[in-house]
Amino acid sequence: MKVHMDRSLCNRWIAGCESCFGVRVEKGEFLLDGCVLEVEDEDQSDEIVCYIKDRDGEDKVLTITKENQAEAFDSWQQLLAKQMAES
């Protein structure tokens, strides 16, 4: 699944954003509302790749797998920082 997001379209503060994102990860569905602009799920893969236009103007890519799903649920920002440090 590929999810395209633009955080500048949502006015949630970061704790609210983390909570909203966590619910989406837990349910395994990213509905088109808030910051979610587009969802592509043709491949029916277990992997979720989030393309995030963040409020700092940067484009970020977060990859969620079965192995790191719990981390994504807890904090997408911490998981993103971890993935960026590993690359």
PDB file of N, CA and C in Angstrom:
ATOM      1  N   MET A   1       0.844  -1.172   0.000  1.00  0.00           N
ATOM      2  CA  MET A   1       0.000   0.000   0.000  1.00  0.00           C
ATOM      3  C   MET A   1       0.888   1.233   0.000  1.00  0.00           C
ATOM      4  N   LYS A   2       0.494   2.216  -0.765  1.00  0.00           N
ATOM      5  CA  LYS A   2       1.177   3.511  -0.784  1.00  0.00           C
ATOM      6  C   LYS A   2       0.177   4.565  -0.319  1.00  0.00           C
ATOM      7  N   VAL A   3       0.620   5.376   0.636  1.00  0.00           N
ATOM      8  CA  VAL A   3      -0.232   6.414   1.205  1.00  0.00           C
ATOM      9  C   VAL A   3       0.447   7.763   1.006  1.00  0.00           C
ATOM     10  N   HIS A   4      -0.260   8.707   0.417  1.00  0.00           N
ATOM     11  CA  HIS A   4       0.266  10.052   0.191  1.00  0.00           C
ATOM     12  C   HIS A   4      -0.419  11.000   1.184  1.00  0.00           C
ATOM     13  N   MET A   5       0.424  11.697   1.955  1.00  0.00           N
ATOM     14  CA  MET A   5      -0.096  12.553   3.024  1.00  0.00           C
ATOM     15  C   MET A   5       0.499  13.958   2.927  1.00  0.00           C
ATOM     16  N   ASP A   6      -0.277  14.943   3.360  1.00  0.00           N
ATOM     17  CA  ASP A   6       0.206  16.321   3.449  1.00  0.00           C
ATOM     18  C   ASP A   6      -0.203  16.866   4.812  1.00  0.00           C
ATOM     19  N   ARG A   7       0.755  16.900   5.726  1.00  0.00           N
ATOM     20  CA  ARG A   7       0.451  17.312   7.098  1.00  0.00           C
ATOM     21  C   ARG A   7       0.073  18.782   7.209  1.00  0.00           C
ATOM     22  N   SER A   8       0.376  19.593   6.205  1.00  0.00           N
ATOM     23  CA  SER A   8       0.007  21.013   6.266  1.00  0.00           C
ATOM     24  C   SER A   8      -1.501  21.197   6.133  1.00  0.00           C
ATOM     25  N   LEU A   9      -2.215  20.161   5.699  1.00  0.00           N
ATOM     26  CA  LEU A   9      -3.663  20.245   5.534  1.00  0.00           C
ATOM     27  C   LEU A   9      -4.427  19.911   6.816  1.00  0.00           C
ATOM     28  N   CYS A  10      -3.706  19.503   7.847  1.00  0.00           N
ATOM     29  CA  CYS A  10      -4.344  19.104   9.096  1.00  0.00           C
ATOM     30  C   CYS A  10      -3.847  20.003  10.225  1.00  0.00           C
ATOM     31  N   ASN A  11      -4.732  20.366  11.127  1.00  0.00           N
ATOM     32  CA  ASN A  11      -4.336  21.261  12.208  1.00  0.00           C
ATOM     33  C   ASN A  11      -4.090  20.545  13.531  1.00  0.00           C
ATOM     34  N   ARG A  12      -3.980  19.219  13.508  1.00  0.00           N
ATOM     35  CA  ARG A  12      -3.696  18.477  14.737  1.00  0.00           C
ATOM     36  C   ARG A  12      -2.290  18.791  15.222  1.00  0.00           C
ATOM     37  N   TRP A  13      -2.140  18.958  16.513  1.00  0.00           N
ATOM     38  CA  TRP A  13      -0.804  19.097  17.093  1.00  0.00           C
ATOM     39  C   TRP A  13      -0.183  17.709  17.120  1.00  0.00           C
ATOM     40  N   ILE A  14       1.096  17.600  17.432  1.00  0.00           N
ATOM     41  CA  ILE A  14       1.825  16.358  17.196  1.00  0.00           C
ATOM     42  C   ILE A  14       1.265  15.162  17.973  1.00  0.00           C
ATOM     43  N   ALA A  15       0.837  15.339  19.206  1.00  0.00           N
ATOM     44  CA  ALA A  15       0.277  14.201  19.955  1.00  0.00           C
ATOM     45  C   ALA A  15      -1.008  13.704  19.294  1.00  0.00           C
ATOM     46  N   GLY A  16      -1.822  14.610  18.808  1.00  0.00           N
ATOM     47  CA  GLY A  16      -3.039  14.233  18.099  1.00  0.00           C
ATOM     48  C   GLY A  16      -2.725  13.538  16.785  1.00  0.00           C
ATOM     49  N   CYS A  17      -1.678  14.003  16.113  1.00  0.00           N
ATOM     50  CA  CYS A  17      -1.236  13.390  14.859  1.00  0.00           C
ATOM     51  C   CYS A  17      -0.756  11.961  15.113  1.00  0.00           C
ATOM     52  N   GLU A  18       0.054  11.784  16.151  1.00  0.00           N
ATOM     53  CA  GLU A  18       0.561  10.448  16.484  1.00  0.00           C
ATOM     54  C   GLU A  18      -0.597   9.492  16.782  1.00  0.00           C
ATOM     55  N   SER A  19      -1.588   9.979  17.521  1.00  0.00           N
ATOM     56  CA  SER A  19      -2.746   9.161  17.872  1.00  0.00           C
ATOM     57  C   SER A  19      -3.554   8.795  16.628  1.00  0.00           C
ATOM     58  N   CYS A  20      -3.822   9.764  15.789  1.00  0.00           N
ATOM     59  CA  CYS A  20      -4.583   9.543  14.556  1.00  0.00           C
ATOM     60  C   CYS A  20      -3.851   8.547  13.657  1.00  0.00           C
ATOM     61  N   PHE A  21      -2.562   8.730  13.494  1.00  0.00           N
ATOM     62  CA  PHE A  21      -1.765   7.833  12.659  1.00  0.00           C
ATOM     63  C   PHE A  21      -1.770   6.426  13.245  1.00  0.00           C
ATOM     64  N   GLY A  22      -1.626   6.326  14.560  1.00  0.00           N
ATOM     65  CA  GLY A  22      -1.622   5.025  15.222  1.00  0.00           C
ATOM     66  C   GLY A  22      -2.903   4.250  14.991  1.00  0.00           C
ATOM     67  N   VAL A  23      -4.030   4.929  15.048  1.00  0.00           N
ATOM     68  CA  VAL A  23      -5.322   4.274  14.794  1.00  0.00           C
ATOM     69  C   VAL A  23      -5.376   3.744  13.366  1.00  0.00           C
ATOM     70  N   ARG A  24      -4.884   4.526  12.428  1.00  0.00           N
ATOM     71  CA  ARG A  24      -4.878   4.102  11.018  1.00  0.00           C
ATOM     72  C   ARG A  24      -4.004   2.856  10.834  1.00  0.00           C
ATOM     73  N   VAL A  25      -2.837   2.864  11.494  1.00  0.00           N
ATOM     74  CA  VAL A  25      -1.937   1.710  11.406  1.00  0.00           C
ATOM     75  C   VAL A  25      -2.587   0.486  12.031  1.00  0.00           C
ATOM     76  N   GLU A  26      -3.185   0.671  13.199  1.00  0.00           N
ATOM     77  CA  GLU A  26      -3.820  -0.445  13.916  1.00  0.00           C
ATOM     78  C   GLU A  26      -4.933  -1.076  13.078  1.00  0.00           C
ATOM     79  N   LYS A  27      -5.749  -0.241  12.447  1.00  0.00           N
ATOM     80  CA  LYS A  27      -6.856  -0.742  11.628  1.00  0.00           C
ATOM     81  C   LYS A  27      -6.391  -1.232  10.255  1.00  0.00           C
ATOM     82  N   GLY A  28      -5.203  -0.783   9.850  1.00  0.00           N
ATOM     83  CA  GLY A  28      -4.701  -1.167   8.533  1.00  0.00           C
ATOM     84  C   GLY A  28      -5.428  -0.479   7.400  1.00  0.00           C
ATOM     85  N   GLU A  29      -6.029   0.669   7.696  1.00  0.00           N
ATOM     86  CA  GLU A  29      -6.728   1.412   6.655  1.00  0.00           C
ATOM     87  C   GLU A  29      -6.462   2.904   6.805  1.00  0.00           C
ATOM     88  N   PHE A  30      -6.196   3.520   5.689  1.00  0.00           N
ATOM     89  CA  PHE A  30      -5.936   4.950   5.645  1.00  0.00           C
ATOM     90  C   PHE A  30      -7.031   5.582   4.799  1.00  0.00           C
ATOM     91  N   LEU A  31      -8.052   6.092   5.465  1.00  0.00           N
ATOM     92  CA  LEU A  31      -9.173   6.712   4.764  1.00  0.00           C
ATOM     93  C   LEU A  31      -8.776   8.096   4.261  1.00  0.00           C
ATOM     94  N   LEU A  32      -9.415   8.536   3.191  1.00  0.00           N
ATOM     95  CA  LEU A  32      -9.127   9.840   2.619  1.00  0.00           C
ATOM     96  C   LEU A  32      -9.796  10.925   3.440  1.00  0.00           C
ATOM     97  N   ASP A  33      -9.104  11.356   4.475  1.00  0.00           N
ATOM     98  CA  ASP A  33      -9.566  12.487   5.282  1.00  0.00           C
ATOM     99  C   ASP A  33      -8.363  13.052   6.014  1.00  0.00           C
ATOM    100  N   GLY A  34      -8.538  14.241   6.571  1.00  0.00           N
ATOM    101  CA  GLY A  34      -7.421  14.877   7.256  1.00  0.00           C
ATOM    102  C   GLY A  34      -6.272  15.105   6.292  1.00  0.00           C
ATOM    103  N   CYS A  35      -5.128  14.566   6.618  1.00  0.00           N
ATOM    104  CA  CYS A  35      -3.929  14.781   5.794  1.00  0.00           C
ATOM    105  C   CYS A  35      -3.740  13.720   4.712  1.00  0.00           C
ATOM    106  N   VAL A  36      -4.557  12.682   4.701  1.00  0.00           N
ATOM    107  CA  VAL A  36      -4.402  11.607   3.718  1.00  0.00           C
ATOM    108  C   VAL A  36      -5.054  12.031   2.400  1.00  0.00           C
ATOM    109  N   LEU A  37      -4.228  12.130   1.362  1.00  0.00           N
ATOM    110  CA  LEU A  37      -4.694  12.611   0.063  1.00  0.00           C
ATOM    111  C   LEU A  37      -5.011  11.496  -0.917  1.00  0.00           C
ATOM    112  N   GLU A  38      -4.218  10.429  -0.867  1.00  0.00           N
ATOM    113  CA  GLU A  38      -4.375   9.356  -1.839  1.00  0.00           C
ATOM    114  C   GLU A  38      -3.868   8.051  -1.239  1.00  0.00           C
ATOM    115  N   VAL A  39      -4.553   6.963  -1.571  1.00  0.00           N
ATOM    116  CA  VAL A  39      -4.136   5.632  -1.139  1.00  0.00           C
ATOM    117  C   VAL A  39      -4.139   4.730  -2.362  1.00  0.00           C
ATOM    118  N   GLU A  40      -3.004   4.069  -2.589  1.00  0.00           N
ATOM    119  CA  GLU A  40      -2.872   3.114  -3.688  1.00  0.00           C
ATOM    120  C   GLU A  40      -2.653   1.743  -3.064  1.00  0.00           C
ATOM    121  N   ASP A  41      -3.520   0.789  -3.403  1.00  0.00           N
ATOM    122  CA  ASP A  41      -3.405  -0.532  -2.798  1.00  0.00           C
ATOM    123  C   ASP A  41      -3.600  -1.628  -3.835  1.00  0.00           C
ATOM    124  N   GLU A  42      -3.024  -1.433  -5.021  1.00  0.00           N
ATOM    125  CA  GLU A  42      -3.179  -2.420  -6.076  1.00  0.00           C
ATOM    126  C   GLU A  42      -2.443  -3.722  -5.770  1.00  0.00           C
ATOM    127  N   ASP A  43      -1.307  -3.634  -5.108  1.00  0.00           N
ATOM    128  CA  ASP A  43      -0.472  -4.824  -4.913  1.00  0.00           C
ATOM    129  C   ASP A  43      -0.884  -5.679  -3.714  1.00  0.00           C
ATOM    130  N   GLN A  44      -1.788  -5.187  -2.878  1.00  0.00           N
ATOM    131  CA  GLN A  44      -2.266  -5.925  -1.704  1.00  0.00           C
ATOM    132  C   GLN A  44      -1.109  -6.390  -0.810  1.00  0.00           C
ATOM    133  N   SER A  45      -0.062  -5.598  -0.748  1.00  0.00           N
ATOM    134  CA  SER A  45       1.120  -5.924   0.050  1.00  0.00           C
ATOM    135  C   SER A  45       0.869  -5.622   1.525  1.00  0.00           C
ATOM    136  N   ASP A  46       1.580  -6.342   2.388  1.00  0.00           N
ATOM    137  CA  ASP A  46       1.502  -6.062   3.824  1.00  0.00           C
ATOM    138  C   ASP A  46       2.281  -4.806   4.183  1.00  0.00           C
ATOM    139  N   GLU A  47       3.180  -4.384   3.316  1.00  0.00           N
ATOM    140  CA  GLU A  47       4.003  -3.205   3.563  1.00  0.00           C
ATOM    141  C   GLU A  47       3.212  -1.935   3.246  1.00  0.00           C
ATOM    142  N   ILE A  48       3.361  -0.941   4.106  1.00  0.00           N
ATOM    143  CA  ILE A  48       2.729   0.361   3.885  1.00  0.00           C
ATOM    144  C   ILE A  48       3.843   1.386   3.739  1.00  0.00           C
ATOM    145  N   VAL A  49       3.854   2.083   2.608  1.00  0.00           N
ATOM    146  CA  VAL A  49       4.842   3.136   2.382  1.00  0.00           C
ATOM    147  C   VAL A  49       4.098   4.465   2.405  1.00  0.00           C
ATOM    148  N   CYS A  50       4.458   5.299   3.375  1.00  0.00           N
ATOM    149  CA  CYS A  50       3.814   6.606   3.527  1.00  0.00           C
ATOM    150  C   CYS A  50       4.726   7.689   2.966  1.00  0.00           C
ATOM    151  N   TYR A  51       4.213   8.422   1.991  1.00  0.00           N
ATOM    152  CA  TYR A  51       4.915   9.571   1.434  1.00  0.00           C
ATOM    153  C   TYR A  51       4.315  10.794   2.106  1.00  0.00           C
ATOM    154  N   ILE A  52       5.108  11.430   2.950  1.00  0.00           N
ATOM    155  CA  ILE A  52       4.595  12.486   3.817  1.00  0.00           C
ATOM    156  C   ILE A  52       5.205  13.826   3.447  1.00  0.00           C
ATOM    157  N   LYS A  53       4.356  14.769   3.066  1.00  0.00           N
ATOM    158  CA  LYS A  53       4.769  16.168   2.919  1.00  0.00           C
ATOM    159  C   LYS A  53       4.584  16.759   4.310  1.00  0.00           C
ATOM    160  N   ASP A  54       5.695  17.023   4.992  1.00  0.00           N
ATOM    161  CA  ASP A  54       5.613  17.444   6.382  1.00  0.00           C
ATOM    162  C   ASP A  54       5.505  18.959   6.497  1.00  0.00           C
ATOM    163  N   ARG A  55       5.157  19.422   7.671  1.00  0.00           N
ATOM    164  CA  ARG A  55       4.974  20.858   7.905  1.00  0.00           C
ATOM    165  C   ARG A  55       6.269  21.647   7.788  1.00  0.00           C
ATOM    166  N   ASP A  56       7.401  20.964   7.903  1.00  0.00           N
ATOM    167  CA  ASP A  56       8.688  21.649   7.742  1.00  0.00           C
ATOM    168  C   ASP A  56       9.068  21.811   6.269  1.00  0.00           C
ATOM    169  N   GLY A  57       8.179  21.402   5.372  1.00  0.00           N
ATOM    170  CA  GLY A  57       8.408  21.539   3.940  1.00  0.00           C
ATOM    171  C   GLY A  57       9.150  20.372   3.315  1.00  0.00           C
ATOM    172  N   GLU A  58       9.589  19.428   4.127  1.00  0.00           N
ATOM    173  CA  GLU A  58      10.334  18.284   3.614  1.00  0.00           C
ATOM    174  C   GLU A  58       9.398  17.157   3.207  1.00  0.00           C
ATOM    175  N   ASP A  59       9.830  16.420   2.194  1.00  0.00           N
ATOM    176  CA  ASP A  59       9.135  15.200   1.785  1.00  0.00           C
ATOM    177  C   ASP A  59       9.814  14.042   2.499  1.00  0.00           C
ATOM    178  N   LYS A  60       9.030  13.207   3.176  1.00  0.00           N
ATOM    179  CA  LYS A  60       9.561  12.109   3.972  1.00  0.00           C
ATOM    180  C   LYS A  60       8.898  10.810   3.540  1.00  0.00           C
ATOM    181  N   VAL A  61       9.642   9.714   3.687  1.00  0.00           N
ATOM    182  CA  VAL A  61       9.114   8.399   3.337  1.00  0.00           C
ATOM    183  C   VAL A  61       9.248   7.494   4.549  1.00  0.00           C
ATOM    184  N   LEU A  62       8.128   6.949   4.992  1.00  0.00           N
ATOM    185  CA  LEU A  62       8.072   6.040   6.135  1.00  0.00           C
ATOM    186  C   LEU A  62       7.579   4.687   5.633  1.00  0.00           C
ATOM    187  N   THR A  63       8.331   3.631   5.940  1.00  0.00           N
ATOM    188  CA  THR A  63       7.946   2.287   5.519  1.00  0.00           C
ATOM    189  C   THR A  63       7.523   1.486   6.742  1.00  0.00           C
ATOM    190  N   ILE A  64       6.306   0.978   6.699  1.00  0.00           N
ATOM    191  CA  ILE A  64       5.755   0.199   7.806  1.00  0.00           C
ATOM    192  C   ILE A  64       5.622  -1.253   7.344  1.00  0.00           C
ATOM    193  N   THR A  65       6.200  -2.155   8.138  1.00  0.00           N
ATOM    194  CA  THR A  65       6.141  -3.584   7.856  1.00  0.00           C
ATOM    195  C   THR A  65       5.514  -4.286   9.062  1.00  0.00           C
ATOM    196  N   LYS A  66       5.292  -5.578   8.937  1.00  0.00           N
ATOM    197  CA  LYS A  66       4.776  -6.334  10.079  1.00  0.00           C
ATOM    198  C   LYS A  66       5.735  -6.243  11.257  1.00  0.00           C
ATOM    199  N   GLU A  67       7.046  -6.216  10.969  1.00  0.00           N
ATOM    200  CA  GLU A  67       8.056  -6.192  12.016  1.00  0.00           C
ATOM    201  C   GLU A  67       8.084  -4.876  12.800  1.00  0.00           C
ATOM    202  N   ASN A  68       7.770  -3.764  12.157  1.00  0.00           N
ATOM    203  CA  ASN A  68       7.838  -2.475  12.856  1.00  0.00           C
ATOM    204  C   ASN A  68       6.476  -1.808  13.051  1.00  0.00           C
ATOM    205  N   GLN A  69       5.424  -2.572  12.833  1.00  0.00           N
ATOM    206  CA  GLN A  69       4.069  -2.014  12.953  1.00  0.00           C
ATOM    207  C   GLN A  69       3.798  -1.469  14.353  1.00  0.00           C
ATOM    208  N   ALA A  70       4.261  -2.156  15.387  1.00  0.00           N
ATOM    209  CA  ALA A  70       4.050  -1.680  16.758  1.00  0.00           C
ATOM    210  C   ALA A  70       4.770  -0.353  16.988  1.00  0.00           C
ATOM    211  N   GLU A  71       5.956  -0.221  16.411  1.00  0.00           N
ATOM    212  CA  GLU A  71       6.687   1.047  16.530  1.00  0.00           C
ATOM    213  C   GLU A  71       5.940   2.170  15.821  1.00  0.00           C
ATOM    214  N   ALA A  72       5.383   1.879  14.653  1.00  0.00           N
ATOM    215  CA  ALA A  72       4.616   2.885  13.913  1.00  0.00           C
ATOM    216  C   ALA A  72       3.368   3.283  14.684  1.00  0.00           C
ATOM    217  N   PHE A  73       2.743   2.321  15.339  1.00  0.00           N
ATOM    218  CA  PHE A  73       1.567   2.605  16.166  1.00  0.00           C
ATOM    219  C   PHE A  73       1.931   3.541  17.312  1.00  0.00           C
ATOM    220  N   ASP A  74       3.080   3.287  17.952  1.00  0.00           N
ATOM    221  CA  ASP A  74       3.515   4.114  19.090  1.00  0.00           C
ATOM    222  C   ASP A  74       3.915   5.518  18.662  1.00  0.00           C
ATOM    223  N   SER A  75       4.708   5.624  17.595  1.00  0.00           N
ATOM    224  CA  SER A  75       5.182   6.936  17.154  1.00  0.00           C
ATOM    225  C   SER A  75       5.749   6.854  15.743  1.00  0.00           C
ATOM    226  N   TRP A  76       5.017   7.396  14.803  1.00  0.00           N
ATOM    227  CA  TRP A  76       5.509   7.396  13.435  1.00  0.00           C
ATOM    228  C   TRP A  76       6.757   8.260  13.315  1.00  0.00           C
ATOM    229  N   GLN A  77       6.849   9.319  14.120  1.00  0.00           N
ATOM    230  CA  GLN A  77       8.010  10.210  14.033  1.00  0.00           C
ATOM    231  C   GLN A  77       9.285   9.524  14.531  1.00  0.00           C
ATOM    232  N   GLN A  78       9.176   8.763  15.606  1.00  0.00           N
ATOM    233  CA  GLN A  78      10.353   8.055  16.104  1.00  0.00           C
ATOM    234  C   GLN A  78      10.777   6.958  15.123  1.00  0.00           C
ATOM    235  N   LEU A  79       9.819   6.264  14.540  1.00  0.00           N
ATOM    236  CA  LEU A  79      10.145   5.238  13.552  1.00  0.00           C
ATOM    237  C   LEU A  79      10.799   5.875  12.329  1.00  0.00           C
ATOM    238  N   LEU A  80      10.290   7.003  11.895  1.00  0.00           N
ATOM    239  CA  LEU A  80      10.874   7.698  10.748  1.00  0.00           C
ATOM    240  C   LEU A  80      12.316   8.110  11.053  1.00  0.00           C
ATOM    241  N   ALA A  81      12.547   8.657  12.233  1.00  0.00           N
ATOM    242  CA  ALA A  81      13.902   9.053  12.616  1.00  0.00           C
ATOM    243  C   ALA A  81      14.836   7.848  12.615  1.00  0.00           C
ATOM    244  N   LYS A  82      14.354   6.718  13.109  1.00  0.00           N
ATOM    245  CA  LYS A  82      15.146   5.490  13.120  1.00  0.00           C
ATOM    246  C   LYS A  82      15.472   5.045  11.704  1.00  0.00           C
ATOM    247  N   GLN A  83      14.487   5.068  10.825  1.00  0.00           N
ATOM    248  CA  GLN A  83      14.705   4.649   9.447  1.00  0.00           C
ATOM    249  C   GLN A  83      15.659   5.592   8.727  1.00  0.00           C
ATOM    250  N   MET A  84      15.555   6.874   8.992  1.00  0.00           N
ATOM    251  CA  MET A  84      16.445   7.848   8.357  1.00  0.00           C
ATOM    252  C   MET A  84      17.882   7.650   8.854  1.00  0.00           C
ATOM    253  N   ALA A  85      18.057   7.331  10.117  1.00  0.00           N
ATOM    254  CA  ALA A  85      19.392   7.100  10.677  1.00  0.00           C
ATOM    255  C   ALA A  85      20.023   5.839  10.096  1.00  0.00           C
ATOM    256  N   GLU A  86      19.205   4.849   9.776  1.00  0.00           N
ATOM    257  CA  GLU A  86      19.706   3.591   9.221  1.00  0.00           C
ATOM    258  C   GLU A  86      20.077   3.693   7.755  1.00  0.00           C
ATOM    259  N   SER A  87      19.539   4.695   7.071  1.00  0.00           N
ATOM    260  CA  SER A  87      19.816   4.797   5.624  1.00  0.00           C
ATOM    261  C   SER A  87      21.002   5.683   5.327  1.00  0.00           C
TER     262      SER A  87
END
